[in-house]
Amino acid sequence: MQENFEVRIREIAKLKKGWSFGKGEPFNAEHVEVAALVALRYYKKYALTVSGTPSEDGTIDLMFNIKDVFIDLIILPSITDITVKYTHGIGNNKIEEMWGTVSISKLDDIMDKFIELSENQK
């Protein structure tokens, strides 16, 4: 059972400018809260493993997975747009696909597609 991932994501708001060896943009509380709520929503809806990682460019990468099938929801600072990357396989069999940038309102459709694709990989 995964515990406290949303607490760890919310701690991203504490990062100050230069948090990554002199690089790294700070994060505003609203951006971090949106990331935490998105993570919590799909964790609860699909019981997925999830992690959240800050990036130096000011984005927050939420990675969900089912075995060796992954989807990254990269929450942009604008909060309304999310870049989506789909990955399946491991090592030489790994395939990555950029699904582009979508409106946050389209996330349910994206996650339904991810679940369907992950079921087809079994």
Protein backbone atom coordinates (compact mmCIF):
# COMPACT_ATOMS: atom_id res chain seq x y z
CA MET A 1 0.00 0.00 0.00
CA GLN A 2 1.32 3.41 -0.95
CA GLU A 3 1.20 6.01 1.80
CA ASN A 4 1.60 9.77 2.05
CA PHE A 5 2.49 10.45 -1.59
CA GLU A 6 0.30 13.56 -1.59
CA VAL A 7 2.11 14.87 1.49
CA ARG A 8 5.44 14.45 -0.32
CA ILE A 9 4.03 16.18 -3.40
CA ARG A 10 2.77 19.09 -1.27
CA GLU A 11 6.26 19.52 0.18
CA ILE A 12 7.40 20.61 -3.30
CA ALA A 13 5.86 24.01 -2.45
CA LYS A 14 8.67 24.52 0.09
CA LEU A 15 11.37 24.47 -2.61
CA LYS A 16 13.05 27.85 -3.10
CA LYS A 17 14.69 29.26 -6.24
CA GLY A 18 17.94 27.38 -6.83
CA TRP A 19 16.78 24.24 -4.97
CA SER A 20 18.68 21.95 -7.37
CA PHE A 21 22.38 22.77 -7.05
CA GLY A 22 21.78 26.44 -7.82
CA LYS A 23 19.19 25.73 -10.51
CA GLY A 24 15.50 25.12 -10.14
CA GLU A 25 12.49 27.34 -10.15
CA PRO A 26 10.29 27.74 -7.07
CA PHE A 27 6.77 26.33 -7.07
CA ASN A 28 3.63 28.19 -6.05
CA ALA A 29 1.17 26.59 -3.68
CA GLU A 30 -1.68 26.43 -6.23
CA HIS A 31 0.48 24.55 -8.77
CA VAL A 32 1.56 22.03 -6.14
CA GLU A 33 -1.98 21.58 -4.81
CA VAL A 34 -3.29 20.84 -8.32
CA ALA A 35 -0.56 18.20 -8.73
CA ALA A 36 -1.42 16.64 -5.36
CA LEU A 37 -5.14 16.54 -6.16
CA VAL A 38 -4.56 15.02 -9.61
CA ALA A 39 -2.33 12.35 -8.05
CA LEU A 40 -4.89 11.59 -5.35
CA ARG A 41 -7.79 11.46 -7.84
CA TYR A 42 -6.25 8.80 -10.07
CA TYR A 43 -4.67 6.90 -7.20
CA LYS A 44 -8.14 6.49 -5.69
CA LYS A 45 -9.97 5.92 -8.98
CA TYR A 46 -7.64 3.24 -10.37
CA ALA A 47 -5.49 2.16 -7.36
CA LEU A 48 -2.33 3.07 -9.29
CA THR A 49 1.17 3.47 -7.93
CA VAL A 50 2.07 7.17 -8.15
CA SER A 51 5.05 9.39 -7.48
CA GLY A 52 5.61 13.12 -7.90
CA THR A 53 8.90 14.72 -8.87
CA PRO A 54 9.74 18.42 -9.25
CA SER A 55 11.74 19.50 -12.31
CA GLU A 56 14.18 22.38 -12.53
CA ASP A 57 12.03 24.00 -15.23
CA GLY A 58 9.14 24.44 -12.79
CA THR A 59 7.04 21.46 -13.87
CA ILE A 60 5.84 18.63 -11.63
CA ASP A 61 6.00 15.12 -13.06
CA LEU A 62 3.38 12.69 -11.77
CA MET A 63 4.23 9.14 -12.79
CA PHE A 64 1.59 6.44 -12.57
CA ASN A 65 2.24 2.81 -13.38
CA ILE A 66 0.76 -0.63 -13.71
CA LYS A 67 3.63 -3.15 -13.81
CA ASP A 68 5.86 -2.00 -16.72
CA VAL A 69 3.32 0.42 -18.22
CA PHE A 70 3.78 4.06 -17.21
CA ILE A 71 2.12 7.39 -17.83
CA ASP A 72 3.72 10.69 -16.89
CA LEU A 73 1.41 13.64 -16.35
CA ILE A 74 3.70 16.66 -16.39
CA ILE A 75 1.84 19.48 -14.66
CA LEU A 76 2.92 22.74 -16.29
CA PRO A 77 3.17 25.95 -14.24
CA SER A 78 0.09 27.29 -16.08
CA ILE A 79 -1.84 24.51 -14.24
CA THR A 80 -4.42 24.30 -17.02
CA ASP A 81 -2.19 22.26 -19.36
CA ILE A 82 -0.51 18.91 -18.87
CA THR A 83 2.08 17.20 -21.05
CA VAL A 84 1.53 13.45 -21.31
CA LYS A 85 4.16 10.75 -21.93
CA TYR A 86 3.26 7.06 -22.21
CA THR A 87 5.89 4.34 -21.74
CA HIS A 88 5.71 0.56 -21.82
CA GLY A 89 8.29 -2.16 -21.68
CA ILE A 90 11.67 -2.33 -20.01
CA GLY A 91 15.24 -2.15 -21.34
CA ASN A 92 15.59 -2.82 -25.07
CA ASN A 93 11.83 -3.37 -25.31
CA LYS A 94 11.01 0.07 -23.87
CA ILE A 95 8.80 2.27 -26.03
CA GLU A 96 8.06 5.92 -25.19
CA GLU A 97 5.35 7.96 -26.84
CA MET A 98 4.71 11.66 -26.28
CA TRP A 99 0.97 12.19 -26.32
CA GLY A 100 1.37 15.96 -26.41
CA THR A 101 -0.02 18.68 -24.20
CA VAL A 102 -3.67 18.52 -23.22
CA SER A 103 -6.07 20.55 -21.15
CA ILE A 104 -6.49 19.38 -17.58
CA SER A 105 -10.18 18.87 -18.41
CA LYS A 106 -9.16 15.99 -20.74
CA LEU A 107 -7.34 13.98 -18.05
CA ASP A 108 -10.17 11.50 -17.47
CA ASP A 109 -10.06 10.56 -21.18
CA ILE A 110 -6.25 10.24 -21.07
CA MET A 111 -6.30 8.06 -17.97
CA ASP A 112 -9.06 5.84 -19.39
CA LYS A 113 -6.90 5.35 -22.51
CA PHE A 114 -3.89 4.52 -20.28
CA ILE A 115 -5.86 1.89 -18.35
CA GLU A 116 -7.13 0.34 -21.58
CA LEU A 117 -3.61 0.22 -23.09
CA SER A 118 -2.12 -1.24 -19.91
CA GLU A 119 -4.71 -4.01 -19.92
CA ASN A 120 -3.78 -4.82 -23.53
CA GLN A 121 -0.08 -5.15 -22.52
CA LYS A 122 -0.79 -8.08 -20.17
